[in-house]
Protein backbone atom coordinates (compact mmCIF):
# COMPACT_ATOMS: atom_id res chain seq x y z
CA LEU A 1 197.38 57.45 233.21
CA ALA A 2 193.86 56.55 231.85
CA PHE A 3 192.79 55.47 235.60
CA ASN A 4 194.10 58.49 237.05
CA LEU A 5 192.20 60.69 234.40
CA MET A 6 188.98 58.54 234.77
CA SER A 7 189.22 58.81 239.11
CA LYS A 8 189.37 62.50 238.69
CA TYR A 9 187.00 63.54 235.76
CA SER A 10 183.65 61.89 234.18
CA PRO A 11 183.45 59.88 231.66
CA VAL A 12 182.20 62.35 228.97
CA THR A 13 184.89 64.47 229.88
CA VAL A 14 187.79 61.90 229.45
CA SER A 15 185.87 61.01 226.19
CA VAL A 16 186.18 64.64 225.17
CA LEU A 17 189.85 64.69 226.13
CA ASN A 18 190.39 61.41 223.70
CA THR A 19 188.66 63.10 220.95
CA VAL A 20 191.03 66.34 221.27
CA LYS A 21 194.13 64.05 221.31
CA ARG A 22 192.64 61.99 218.28
CA ALA A 23 192.09 65.25 216.21
CA LEU A 24 195.24 66.69 217.13
CA ILE A 25 197.45 63.49 216.16
CA ILE A 26 195.82 63.82 212.87
CA CYS A 27 196.76 67.45 212.22
CA PHE A 28 200.21 66.80 213.59
CA SER A 29 201.08 63.85 211.83
CA SER A 30 199.78 65.40 208.46
CA LEU A 31 202.04 68.34 209.19
CA TYR A 32 204.94 66.15 210.54
CA PHE A 33 204.68 63.53 207.53
CA GLY A 34 203.79 66.03 204.98
CA ASN A 35 200.32 63.81 204.31
CA ILE A 36 197.58 65.87 202.76
CA ILE A 37 194.34 66.05 204.58
CA THR A 38 191.34 65.03 202.86
CA SER A 39 188.38 67.03 202.89
CA THR A 40 186.44 64.46 204.69
CA ALA A 41 189.20 64.31 207.20
CA LEU A 42 189.09 68.25 207.54
CA PHE A 43 185.55 68.22 207.67
CA GLY A 44 185.50 65.41 210.60
CA THR A 45 188.07 67.37 212.45
CA VAL A 46 186.17 70.44 212.21
CA VAL A 47 183.18 68.46 213.49
CA ALA A 48 185.17 67.04 216.50
CA LEU A 49 186.69 70.50 217.42
CA SER A 50 183.12 71.80 217.17
CA GLY A 51 181.63 69.56 219.65
CA ILE A 52 184.31 70.07 222.00
CA ALA A 53 184.05 73.69 222.13
CA LEU A 54 180.39 73.06 222.41
CA TYR A 55 180.83 70.84 225.13
CA SER A 56 183.13 73.42 227.05
CA VAL A 57 180.38 76.00 226.52
CA LEU A 58 177.48 73.73 228.01
CA LYS A 59 179.78 72.29 230.85
CA SER A 60 180.58 76.17 231.80
CA SER A 61 178.84 76.87 235.19
CA GLU A 62 177.30 80.16 233.86
CA TRP A 63 175.60 78.24 231.17
CA HIS A 64 174.54 75.40 233.68
CA SER A 65 172.95 77.60 235.97
CA THR A 66 171.33 79.44 233.33
CA VAL A 67 169.45 76.27 232.32
CA GLU A 68 168.74 75.27 235.78
CA LYS A 69 167.14 78.77 235.94
CA ALA A 70 164.98 78.03 233.09
CA VAL A 71 164.05 74.58 233.85
CA ALA A 72 163.04 75.98 237.25
CA VAL A 73 160.71 78.59 235.75
CA VAL A 74 159.13 75.97 233.46
CA ARG A 75 158.17 73.44 236.36
CA ILE A 76 156.74 76.64 238.44
CA GLY A 77 154.61 77.38 235.46
CA ARG A 78 153.39 73.74 235.24
CA GLY A 79 152.40 73.73 239.07
CA ALA A 80 155.22 71.16 239.93
CA ALA A 81 156.96 73.59 242.05
């Protein structure tokens, strides 16, 4: 399974998927076993899921094209077109 994922997606995407998996394991195991999530674990899970959300936004084609346009404008302004 890991080899198939690595052959189809970038290493960063696979790393993000691994982070999602870990965060979900923490949440579901605490619900299943009735464990209390500490504030540190909750904070870490929120940070991980926020990072995943940010990655998804930055990875989107609309954001990517906007950044490319901004970089092109800066290059033209500097005379590096």
